[in-house]
PDB file of N, CA and C in Angstrom:
ATOM      1  N   MET A   1      51.295  75.259  91.527  1.00  0.00           N
ATOM      2  CA  MET A   1      51.046  75.847  92.842  1.00  0.00           C
ATOM      3  C   MET A   1      52.321  75.749  93.690  1.00  0.00           C
ATOM      4  N   GLN A   2      52.524  76.713  94.558  1.00  0.00           N
ATOM      5  CA  GLN A   2      53.740  76.780  95.355  1.00  0.00           C
ATOM      6  C   GLN A   2      53.640  75.957  96.631  1.00  0.00           C
ATOM      7  N   LEU A   3      54.815  75.678  97.184  1.00  0.00           N
ATOM      8  CA  LEU A   3      54.904  75.001  98.472  1.00  0.00           C
ATOM      9  C   LEU A   3      54.823  76.027  99.598  1.00  0.00           C
ATOM     10  N   THR A   4      54.338  75.596 100.744  1.00  0.00           N
ATOM     11  CA  THR A   4      54.341  76.450 101.932  1.00  0.00           C
ATOM     12  C   THR A   4      55.799  76.717 102.314  1.00  0.00           C
ATOM     13  N   PRO A   5      56.179  77.970 102.537  1.00  0.00           N
ATOM     14  CA  PRO A   5      57.571  78.297 102.867  1.00  0.00           C
ATOM     15  C   PRO A   5      58.039  77.615 104.157  1.00  0.00           C
ATOM     16  N   HIS A   6      59.333  77.293 104.180  1.00  0.00           N
ATOM     17  CA  HIS A   6      59.915  76.670 105.369  1.00  0.00           C
ATOM     18  C   HIS A   6      59.683  77.514 106.618  1.00  0.00           C
ATOM     19  N   GLU A   7      59.750  78.833 106.478  1.00  0.00           N
ATOM     20  CA  GLU A   7      59.571  79.719 107.630  1.00  0.00           C
ATOM     21  C   GLU A   7      58.180  79.557 108.238  1.00  0.00           C
ATOM     22  N   VAL A   8      57.184  79.383 107.391  1.00  0.00           N
ATOM     23  CA  VAL A   8      55.813  79.175 107.876  1.00  0.00           C
ATOM     24  C   VAL A   8      55.722  77.828 108.580  1.00  0.00           C
ATOM     25  N   LEU A   9      56.300  76.799 107.985  1.00  0.00           N
ATOM     26  CA  LEU A   9      56.297  75.478 108.622  1.00  0.00           C
ATOM     27  C   LEU A   9      56.987  75.549 109.982  1.00  0.00           C
ATOM     28  N   GLY A  10      58.062  76.317 110.072  1.00  0.00           N
ATOM     29  CA  GLY A  10      58.765  76.483 111.340  1.00  0.00           C
ATOM     30  C   GLY A  10      57.915  77.175 112.394  1.00  0.00           C
ATOM     31  N   ARG A  11      57.177  78.207 111.996  1.00  0.00           N
ATOM     32  CA  ARG A  11      56.270  78.877 112.952  1.00  0.00           C
ATOM     33  C   ARG A  11      55.216  77.898 113.446  1.00  0.00           C
ATOM     34  N   TRP A  12      54.627  77.157 112.514  1.00  0.00           N
ATOM     35  CA  TRP A  12      53.611  76.174 112.901  1.00  0.00           C
ATOM     36  C   TRP A  12      54.202  75.139 113.852  1.00  0.00           C
ATOM     37  N   LEU A  13      55.434  74.732 113.601  1.00  0.00           N
ATOM     38  CA  LEU A  13      56.089  73.742 114.455  1.00  0.00           C
ATOM     39  C   LEU A  13      56.304  74.298 115.862  1.00  0.00           C
ATOM     40  N   LEU A  14      56.790  75.523 115.977  1.00  0.00           N
ATOM     41  CA  LEU A  14      56.995  76.134 117.297  1.00  0.00           C
ATOM     42  C   LEU A  14      55.680  76.266 118.061  1.00  0.00           C
ATOM     43  N   ILE A  15      54.661  76.750 117.386  1.00  0.00           N
ATOM     44  CA  ILE A  15      53.360  76.927 118.043  1.00  0.00           C
ATOM     45  C   ILE A  15      52.804  75.582 118.486  1.00  0.00           C
ATOM     46  N   THR A  16      52.868  74.603 117.604  1.00  0.00           N
ATOM     47  CA  THR A  16      52.311  73.280 117.907  1.00  0.00           C
ATOM     48  C   THR A  16      53.049  72.607 119.050  1.00  0.00           C
ATOM     49  N   LEU A  17      54.376  72.635 119.023  1.00  0.00           N
ATOM     50  CA  LEU A  17      55.132  72.017 120.116  1.00  0.00           C
ATOM     51  C   LEU A  17      54.800  72.682 121.449  1.00  0.00           C
ATOM     52  N   GLY A  18      54.682  73.994 121.466  1.00  0.00           N
ATOM     53  CA  GLY A  18      54.302  74.681 122.703  1.00  0.00           C
ATOM     54  C   GLY A  18      52.942  74.243 123.200  1.00  0.00           C
ATOM     55  N   GLU A  19      51.996  74.111 122.278  1.00  0.00           N
ATOM     56  CA  GLU A  19      50.648  73.668 122.652  1.00  0.00           C
ATOM     57  C   GLU A  19      50.647  72.228 123.160  1.00  0.00           C
ATOM     58  N   MET A  20      51.639  71.454 122.736  1.00  0.00           N
ATOM     59  CA  MET A  20      51.736  70.054 123.159  1.00  0.00           C
ATOM     60  C   MET A  20      52.579  69.904 124.427  1.00  0.00           C
ATOM     61  N   GLY A  21      52.894  71.001 125.085  1.00  0.00           N
ATOM     62  CA  GLY A  21      53.675  70.934 126.312  1.00  0.00           C
ATOM     63  C   GLY A  21      55.172  70.951 126.085  1.00  0.00           C
ATOM     64  N   GLY A  22      55.596  71.207 124.854  1.00  0.00           N
ATOM     65  CA  GLY A  22      57.020  71.345 124.571  1.00  0.00           C
ATOM     66  C   GLY A  22      57.651  70.195 123.831  1.00  0.00           C
ATOM     67  N   ALA A  23      56.939  69.075 123.693  1.00  0.00           N
ATOM     68  CA  ALA A  23      57.539  67.918 123.021  1.00  0.00           C
ATOM     69  C   ALA A  23      56.459  66.987 122.491  1.00  0.00           C
ATOM     70  N   GLY A  24      56.845  66.210 121.496  1.00  0.00           N
ATOM     71  CA  GLY A  24      55.945  65.201 120.953  1.00  0.00           C
ATOM     72  C   GLY A  24      56.662  64.374 119.908  1.00  0.00           C
ATOM     73  N   SER A  25      56.163  63.183 119.662  1.00  0.00           N
ATOM     74  CA  SER A  25      56.750  62.347 118.616  1.00  0.00           C
ATOM     75  C   SER A  25      56.558  63.027 117.271  1.00  0.00           C
ATOM     76  N   LYS A  26      57.406  62.694 116.321  1.00  0.00           N
ATOM     77  CA  LYS A  26      57.286  63.267 114.981  1.00  0.00           C
ATOM     78  C   LYS A  26      55.875  63.068 114.448  1.00  0.00           C
ATOM     79  N   GLN A  27      55.352  61.857 114.569  1.00  0.00           N
ATOM     80  CA  GLN A  27      54.026  61.551 114.033  1.00  0.00           C
ATOM     81  C   GLN A  27      52.943  62.384 114.714  1.00  0.00           C
ATOM     82  N   ALA A  28      53.018  62.505 116.032  1.00  0.00           N
ATOM     83  CA  ALA A  28      52.004  63.264 116.772  1.00  0.00           C
ATOM     84  C   ALA A  28      52.064  64.748 116.423  1.00  0.00           C
ATOM     85  N   VAL A  29      53.268  65.279 116.296  1.00  0.00           N
ATOM     86  CA  VAL A  29      53.422  66.697 115.973  1.00  0.00           C
ATOM     87  C   VAL A  29      52.893  66.978 114.568  1.00  0.00           C
ATOM     88  N   LEU A  30      53.266  66.137 113.608  1.00  0.00           N
ATOM     89  CA  LEU A  30      52.792  66.339 112.236  1.00  0.00           C
ATOM     90  C   LEU A  30      51.276  66.204 112.149  1.00  0.00           C
ATOM     91  N   ARG A  31      50.722  65.262 112.881  1.00  0.00           N
ATOM     92  CA  ARG A  31      49.259  65.092 112.894  1.00  0.00           C
ATOM     93  C   ARG A  31      48.585  66.353 113.438  1.00  0.00           C
ATOM     94  N   ARG A  32      49.130  66.889 114.529  1.00  0.00           N
ATOM     95  CA  ARG A  32      48.552  68.095 115.137  1.00  0.00           C
ATOM     96  C   ARG A  32      48.684  69.305 114.210  1.00  0.00           C
ATOM     97  N   ILE A  33      49.834  69.431 113.550  1.00  0.00           N
ATOM     98  CA  ILE A  33      50.010  70.527 112.587  1.00  0.00           C
ATOM     99  C   ILE A  33      48.963  70.406 111.488  1.00  0.00           C
ATOM    100  N   HIS A  34      48.761  69.195 110.981  1.00  0.00           N
ATOM    101  CA  HIS A  34      47.789  69.004 109.903  1.00  0.00           C
ATOM    102  C   HIS A  34      46.375  69.327 110.374  1.00  0.00           C
ATOM    103  N   GLU A  35      46.038  68.935 111.603  1.00  0.00           N
ATOM    104  CA  GLU A  35      44.703  69.235 112.138  1.00  0.00           C
ATOM    105  C   GLU A  35      44.466  70.739 112.206  1.00  0.00           C
ATOM    106  N   ARG A  36      45.480  71.468 112.646  1.00  0.00           N
ATOM    107  CA  ARG A  36      45.313  72.908 112.860  1.00  0.00           C
ATOM    108  C   ARG A  36      45.509  73.738 111.591  1.00  0.00           C
ATOM    109  N   TYR A  37      46.489  73.351 110.774  1.00  0.00           N
ATOM    110  CA  TYR A  37      46.875  74.185 109.637  1.00  0.00           C
ATOM    111  C   TYR A  37      46.656  73.522 108.279  1.00  0.00           C
ATOM    112  N   GLY A  38      46.108  72.331 108.259  1.00  0.00           N
ATOM    113  CA  GLY A  38      45.957  71.589 107.011  1.00  0.00           C
ATOM    114  C   GLY A  38      45.230  72.345 105.921  1.00  0.00           C
ATOM    115  N   SER A  39      44.264  73.149 106.294  1.00  0.00           N
ATOM    116  CA  SER A  39      43.503  73.902 105.292  1.00  0.00           C
ATOM    117  C   SER A  39      44.357  74.980 104.618  1.00  0.00           C
ATOM    118  N   GLN A  40      45.496  75.329 105.233  1.00  0.00           N
ATOM    119  CA  GLN A  40      46.380  76.344 104.660  1.00  0.00           C
ATOM    120  C   GLN A  40      47.474  75.746 103.780  1.00  0.00           C
ATOM    121  N   LEU A  41      47.604  74.415 103.807  1.00  0.00           N
ATOM    122  CA  LEU A  41      48.593  73.756 102.961  1.00  0.00           C
ATOM    123  C   LEU A  41      48.130  73.797 101.509  1.00  0.00           C
ATOM    124  N   THR A  42      49.077  73.850 100.598  1.00  0.00           N
ATOM    125  CA  THR A  42      48.749  73.899  99.181  1.00  0.00           C
ATOM    126  C   THR A  42      48.568  72.485  98.630  1.00  0.00           C
ATOM    127  N   GLU A  43      48.018  72.425  97.434  1.00  0.00           N
ATOM    128  CA  GLU A  43      47.865  71.141  96.751  1.00  0.00           C
ATOM    129  C   GLU A  43      49.229  70.478  96.559  1.00  0.00           C
ATOM    130  N   THR A  44      50.226  71.273  96.220  1.00  0.00           N
ATOM    131  CA  THR A  44      51.579  70.756  95.999  1.00  0.00           C
ATOM    132  C   THR A  44      52.179  70.213  97.287  1.00  0.00           C
ATOM    133  N   ASP A  45      51.851  70.809  98.432  1.00  0.00           N
ATOM    134  CA  ASP A  45      52.351  70.322  99.721  1.00  0.00           C
ATOM    135  C   ASP A  45      51.973  68.866  99.961  1.00  0.00           C
ATOM    136  N   HIS A  46      50.844  68.445  99.401  1.00  0.00           N
ATOM    137  CA  HIS A  46      50.338  67.095  99.649  1.00  0.00           C
ATOM    138  C   HIS A  46      50.893  66.047  98.686  1.00  0.00           C
ATOM    139  N   LEU A  47      51.684  66.469  97.711  1.00  0.00           N
ATOM    140  CA  LEU A  47      52.266  65.516  96.764  1.00  0.00           C
ATOM    141  C   LEU A  47      53.410  64.753  97.423  1.00  0.00           C
ATOM    142  N   PRO A  48      53.704  63.530  96.947  1.00  0.00           N
ATOM    143  CA  PRO A  48      54.828  62.777  97.510  1.00  0.00           C
ATOM    144  C   PRO A  48      56.173  63.303  97.008  1.00  0.00           C
ATOM    145  N   GLN A  49      57.178  63.194  97.870  1.00  0.00           N
ATOM    146  CA  GLN A  49      58.548  63.500  97.474  1.00  0.00           C
ATOM    147  C   GLN A  49      58.997  62.424  96.485  1.00  0.00           C
ATOM    148  N   PRO A  50      59.591  62.784  95.361  1.00  0.00           N
ATOM    149  CA  PRO A  50      60.057  61.770  94.410  1.00  0.00           C
ATOM    150  C   PRO A  50      61.117  60.844  95.011  1.00  0.00           C
ATOM    151  N   SER A  51      61.940  61.372  95.918  1.00  0.00           N
ATOM    152  CA  SER A  51      63.059  60.594  96.461  1.00  0.00           C
ATOM    153  C   SER A  51      62.638  59.502  97.436  1.00  0.00           C
ATOM    154  N   ASN A  52      61.591  59.764  98.236  1.00  0.00           N
ATOM    155  CA  ASN A  52      61.254  58.783  99.278  1.00  0.00           C
ATOM    156  C   ASN A  52      59.758  58.539  99.448  1.00  0.00           C
ATOM    157  N   GLY A  53      58.924  59.248  98.704  1.00  0.00           N
ATOM    158  CA  GLY A  53      57.481  59.039  98.789  1.00  0.00           C
ATOM    159  C   GLY A  53      56.796  59.728  99.952  1.00  0.00           C
ATOM    160  N   GLU A  54      57.572  60.352 100.841  1.00  0.00           N
ATOM    161  CA  GLU A  54      56.979  61.067 101.973  1.00  0.00           C
ATOM    162  C   GLU A  54      56.242  62.300 101.453  1.00  0.00           C
ATOM    163  N   VAL A  55      55.134  62.638 102.081  1.00  0.00           N
ATOM    164  CA  VAL A  55      54.376  63.825 101.696  1.00  0.00           C
ATOM    165  C   VAL A  55      55.282  65.051 101.848  1.00  0.00           C
ATOM    166  N   LYS A  56      55.240  65.934 100.855  1.00  0.00           N
ATOM    167  CA  LYS A  56      56.186  67.060 100.806  1.00  0.00           C
ATOM    168  C   LYS A  56      56.162  67.932 102.053  1.00  0.00           C
ATOM    169  N   TRP A  57      54.989  68.309 102.538  1.00  0.00           N
ATOM    170  CA  TRP A  57      54.973  69.226 103.685  1.00  0.00           C
ATOM    171  C   TRP A  57      55.545  68.550 104.921  1.00  0.00           C
ATOM    172  N   GLU A  58      55.341  67.243 105.073  1.00  0.00           N
ATOM    173  CA  GLU A  58      55.908  66.530 106.217  1.00  0.00           C
ATOM    174  C   GLU A  58      57.427  66.461 106.102  1.00  0.00           C
ATOM    175  N   ASN A  59      57.915  66.156 104.908  1.00  0.00           N
ATOM    176  CA  ASN A  59      59.351  66.092 104.667  1.00  0.00           C
ATOM    177  C   ASN A  59      59.996  67.454 104.899  1.00  0.00           C
ATOM    178  N   ARG A  60      59.365  68.499 104.393  1.00  0.00           N
ATOM    179  CA  ARG A  60      59.906  69.848 104.544  1.00  0.00           C
ATOM    180  C   ARG A  60      59.852  70.317 106.003  1.00  0.00           C
ATOM    181  N   THR A  61      58.840  69.892 106.744  1.00  0.00           N
ATOM    182  CA  THR A  61      58.770  70.233 108.167  1.00  0.00           C
ATOM    183  C   THR A  61      59.901  69.543 108.924  1.00  0.00           C
ATOM    184  N   ALA A  62      60.204  68.293 108.560  1.00  0.00           N
ATOM    185  CA  ALA A  62      61.316  67.584 109.204  1.00  0.00           C
ATOM    186  C   ALA A  62      62.649  68.278 108.904  1.00  0.00           C
ATOM    187  N   TRP A  63      62.835  68.747 107.676  1.00  0.00           N
ATOM    188  CA  TRP A  63      64.052  69.491 107.349  1.00  0.00           C
ATOM    189  C   TRP A  63      64.092  70.816 108.102  1.00  0.00           C
ATOM    190  N   GLN A  64      62.951  71.459 108.240  1.00  0.00           N
ATOM    191  CA  GLN A  64      62.902  72.704 109.007  1.00  0.00           C
ATOM    192  C   GLN A  64      63.237  72.434 110.467  1.00  0.00           C
ATOM    193  N   ARG A  65      62.787  71.316 110.988  1.00  0.00           N
ATOM    194  CA  ARG A  65      63.137  70.933 112.356  1.00  0.00           C
ATOM    195  C   ARG A  65      64.657  70.863 112.506  1.00  0.00           C
ATOM    196  N   ASN A  66      65.342  70.254 111.519  1.00  0.00           N
ATOM    197  CA  ASN A  66      66.803  70.158 111.582  1.00  0.00           C
ATOM    198  C   ASN A  66      67.444  71.544 111.609  1.00  0.00           C
ATOM    199  N   ARG A  67      66.929  72.465 110.809  1.00  0.00           N
ATOM    200  CA  ARG A  67      67.451  73.842 110.828  1.00  0.00           C
ATOM    201  C   ARG A  67      67.229  74.482 112.199  1.00  0.00           C
ATOM    202  N   MET A  68      66.098  74.199 112.798  1.00  0.00           N
ATOM    203  CA  MET A  68      65.765  74.777 114.099  1.00  0.00           C
ATOM    204  C   MET A  68      66.622  74.174 115.210  1.00  0.00           C
ATOM    205  N   VAL A  69      67.024  72.917 115.055  1.00  0.00           N
ATOM    206  CA  VAL A  69      67.978  72.314 115.995  1.00  0.00           C
ATOM    207  C   VAL A  69      69.297  73.081 115.914  1.00  0.00           C
ATOM    208  N   LYS A  70      69.780  73.310 114.688  1.00  0.00           N
ATOM    209  CA  LYS A  70      71.043  74.045 114.507  1.00  0.00           C
ATOM    210  C   LYS A  70      70.950  75.468 115.049  1.00  0.00           C
ATOM    211  N   ALA A  71      69.753  76.053 114.994  1.00  0.00           N
ATOM    212  CA  ALA A  71      69.541  77.411 115.512  1.00  0.00           C
ATOM    213  C   ALA A  71      69.342  77.428 117.027  1.00  0.00           C
ATOM    214  N   GLY A  72      69.283  76.249 117.655  1.00  0.00           N
ATOM    215  CA  GLY A  72      69.133  76.172 119.106  1.00  0.00           C
ATOM    216  C   GLY A  72      67.707  76.244 119.610  1.00  0.00           C
ATOM    217  N   LEU A  73      66.721  76.157 118.701  1.00  0.00           N
ATOM    218  CA  LEU A  73      65.318  76.249 119.108  1.00  0.00           C
ATOM    219  C   LEU A  73      64.719  74.903 119.505  1.00  0.00           C
ATOM    220  N   LEU A  74      65.248  73.828 118.932  1.00  0.00           N
ATOM    221  CA  LEU A  74      64.777  72.479 119.247  1.00  0.00           C
ATOM    222  C   LEU A  74      65.954  71.629 119.689  1.00  0.00           C
ATOM    223  N   LYS A  75      65.663  70.644 120.529  1.00  0.00           N
ATOM    224  CA  LYS A  75      66.704  69.754 121.038  1.00  0.00           C
ATOM    225  C   LYS A  75      67.096  68.742 119.966  1.00  0.00           C
ATOM    226  N   PRO A  76      68.397  68.433 119.875  1.00  0.00           N
ATOM    227  CA  PRO A  76      68.822  67.403 118.924  1.00  0.00           C
ATOM    228  C   PRO A  76      68.432  66.017 119.434  1.00  0.00           C
ATOM    229  N   TYR A  77      68.381  65.075 118.510  1.00  0.00           N
ATOM    230  CA  TYR A  77      68.133  63.686 118.907  1.00  0.00           C
ATOM    231  C   TYR A  77      69.332  63.169 119.679  1.00  0.00           C
ATOM    232  N   GLU A  78      69.079  62.460 120.772  1.00  0.00           N
ATOM    233  CA  GLU A  78      70.150  61.741 121.453  1.00  0.00           C
ATOM    234  C   GLU A  78      70.177  60.303 120.977  1.00  0.00           C
ATOM    235  N   ARG A  79      68.999  59.805 120.586  1.00  0.00           N
ATOM    236  CA  ARG A  79      68.902  58.461 120.008  1.00  0.00           C
ATOM    237  C   ARG A  79      67.674  58.428 119.105  1.00  0.00           C
ATOM    238  N   HIS A  80      67.645  57.451 118.225  1.00  0.00           N
ATOM    239  CA  HIS A  80      66.547  57.323 117.262  1.00  0.00           C
ATOM    240  C   HIS A  80      65.213  57.211 117.996  1.00  0.00           C
ATOM    241  N   GLY A  81      64.233  57.937 117.518  1.00  0.00           N
ATOM    242  CA  GLY A  81      62.904  57.870 118.115  1.00  0.00           C
ATOM    243  C   GLY A  81      62.646  58.891 119.203  1.00  0.00           C
ATOM    244  N   ASP A  82      63.663  59.696 119.540  1.00  0.00           N
ATOM    245  CA  ASP A  82      63.445  60.752 120.534  1.00  0.00           C
ATOM    246  C   ASP A  82      62.373  61.719 120.034  1.00  0.00           C
ATOM    247  N   PRO A  83      61.637  62.341 120.952  1.00  0.00           N
ATOM    248  CA  PRO A  83      60.613  63.305 120.523  1.00  0.00           C
ATOM    249  C   PRO A  83      61.242  64.591 119.994  1.00  0.00           C
ATOM    250  N   TRP A  84      60.459  65.304 119.215  1.00  0.00           N
ATOM    251  CA  TRP A  84      60.815  66.667 118.842  1.00  0.00           C
ATOM    252  C   TRP A  84      60.513  67.518 120.071  1.00  0.00           C
ATOM    253  N   ALA A  85      61.466  68.331 120.524  1.00  0.00           N
ATOM    254  CA  ALA A  85      61.282  69.060 121.781  1.00  0.00           C
ATOM    255  C   ALA A  85      61.893  70.454 121.716  1.00  0.00           C
ATOM    256  N   LEU A  86      61.205  71.401 122.343  1.00  0.00           N
ATOM    257  CA  LEU A  86      61.673  72.779 122.427  1.00  0.00           C
ATOM    258  C   LEU A  86      62.813  72.903 123.434  1.00  0.00           C
ATOM    259  N   THR A  87      63.757  73.784 123.148  1.00  0.00           N
ATOM    260  CA  THR A  87      64.765  74.208 124.115  1.00  0.00           C
ATOM    261  C   THR A  87      64.208  75.447 124.825  1.00  0.00           C
ATOM    262  N   GLU A  88      64.975  76.000 125.749  1.00  0.00           N
ATOM    263  CA  GLU A  88      64.549  77.256 126.382  1.00  0.00           C
ATOM    264  C   GLU A  88      64.383  78.356 125.334  1.00  0.00           C
ATOM    265  N   ALA A  89      65.313  78.414 124.378  1.00  0.00           N
ATOM    266  CA  ALA A  89      65.201  79.410 123.301  1.00  0.00           C
ATOM    267  C   ALA A  89      63.961  79.139 122.451  1.00  0.00           C
ATOM    268  N   GLY A  90      63.644  77.873 122.248  1.00  0.00           N
ATOM    269  CA  GLY A  90      62.440  77.514 121.507  1.00  0.00           C
ATOM    270  C   GLY A  90      61.179  77.945 122.234  1.00  0.00           C
ATOM    271  N   TRP A  91      61.185  77.773 123.558  1.00  0.00           N
ATOM    272  CA  TRP A  91      60.038  78.232 124.350  1.00  0.00           C
ATOM    273  C   TRP A  91      59.873  79.747 124.237  1.00  0.00           C
ATOM    274  N   ALA A  92      61.001  80.471 124.275  1.00  0.00           N
ATOM    275  CA  ALA A  92      60.938  81.931 124.149  1.00  0.00           C
ATOM    276  C   ALA A  92      60.369  82.319 122.782  1.00  0.00           C
ATOM    277  N   ALA A  93      60.789  81.617 121.730  1.00  0.00           N
ATOM    278  CA  ALA A  93      60.270  81.890 120.385  1.00  0.00           C
ATOM    279  C   ALA A  93      58.785  81.553 120.308  1.00  0.00           C
ATOM    280  N   HIS A  94      58.389  80.462 120.953  1.00  0.00           N
ATOM    281  CA  HIS A  94      56.970  80.082 120.991  1.00  0.00           C
ATOM    282  C   HIS A  94      56.148  81.185 121.662  1.00  0.00           C
ATOM    283  N   ARG A  95      56.608  81.642 122.825  1.00  0.00           N
ATOM    284  CA  ARG A  95      55.875  82.686 123.546  1.00  0.00           C
ATOM    285  C   ARG A  95      55.767  83.959 122.710  1.00  0.00           C
ATOM    286  N   ALA A  96      56.840  84.320 122.015  1.00  0.00           N
ATOM    287  CA  ALA A  96      56.814  85.520 121.170  1.00  0.00           C
ATOM    288  C   ALA A  96      55.813  85.362 120.031  1.00  0.00           C
ATOM    289  N   LEU A  97      55.767  84.184 119.418  1.00  0.00           N
ATOM    290  CA  LEU A  97      54.807  83.942 118.335  1.00  0.00           C
ATOM    291  C   LEU A  97      53.374  84.008 118.841  1.00  0.00           C
ATOM    292  N   VAL A  98      53.116  83.354 119.959  1.00  0.00           N
ATOM    293  CA  VAL A  98      51.758  83.329 120.512  1.00  0.00           C
ATOM    294  C   VAL A  98      51.345  84.731 120.935  1.00  0.00           C
ATOM    295  N   SER A  99      52.253  85.465 121.544  1.00  0.00           N
ATOM    296  CA  SER A  99      51.968  86.839 121.953  1.00  0.00           C
ATOM    297  C   SER A  99      51.665  87.707 120.737  1.00  0.00           C
ATOM    298  N   GLY A 100      52.418  87.530 119.670  1.00  0.00           N
ATOM    299  CA  GLY A 100      52.183  88.279 118.440  1.00  0.00           C
ATOM    300  C   GLY A 100      50.853  87.949 117.806  1.00  0.00           C
ATOM    301  N   GLN A 101      50.441  86.688 117.891  1.00  0.00           N
ATOM    302  CA  GLN A 101      49.140  86.280 117.346  1.00  0.00           C
ATOM    303  C   GLN A 101      48.009  86.925 118.131  1.00  0.00           C
ATOM    304  N   GLU A 102      48.161  86.983 119.451  1.00  0.00           N
ATOM    305  CA  GLU A 102      47.112  87.565 120.290  1.00  0.00           C
ATOM    306  C   GLU A 102      46.943  89.050 119.993  1.00  0.00           C
ATOM    307  N   ARG A 103      48.049  89.746 119.745  1.00  0.00           N
ATOM    308  CA  ARG A 103      47.975  91.183 119.452  1.00  0.00           C
ATOM    309  C   ARG A 103      47.353  91.451 118.088  1.00  0.00           C
ATOM    310  N   SER A 104      47.518  90.507 117.147  1.00  0.00           N
ATOM    311  CA  SER A 104      47.011  90.745 115.790  1.00  0.00           C
ATOM    312  C   SER A 104      45.555  90.337 115.620  1.00  0.00           C
ATOM    313  N   THR A 105      44.961  89.734 116.645  1.00  0.00           N
ATOM    314  CA  THR A 105      43.550  89.327 116.526  1.00  0.00           C
ATOM    315  C   THR A 105      42.628  90.324 117.167  1.00  0.00           C
TER     316      THR A 105
END
């Protein structure tokens, strides 16, 4: 079975952070993503990473977060333990995603 694509994890991350007011701890954000989208994750997504034992979808979401920081959508860490947080560009992307979802329903 395949893994959920990084692009999908990124959309879920943008939507979830927006719903959380723009920021949240890694644990809180991942928990919320799982609550909302867990039924869409594949069996393979739930397997542990061989390198560190972290669940694959959580590890891949964290890597996607790093890509989104480089793209200017999320704020970089200033110190360990900082929350995952949207930038202004991230908020704009969130609004576009939510608006697109409303039109497709």
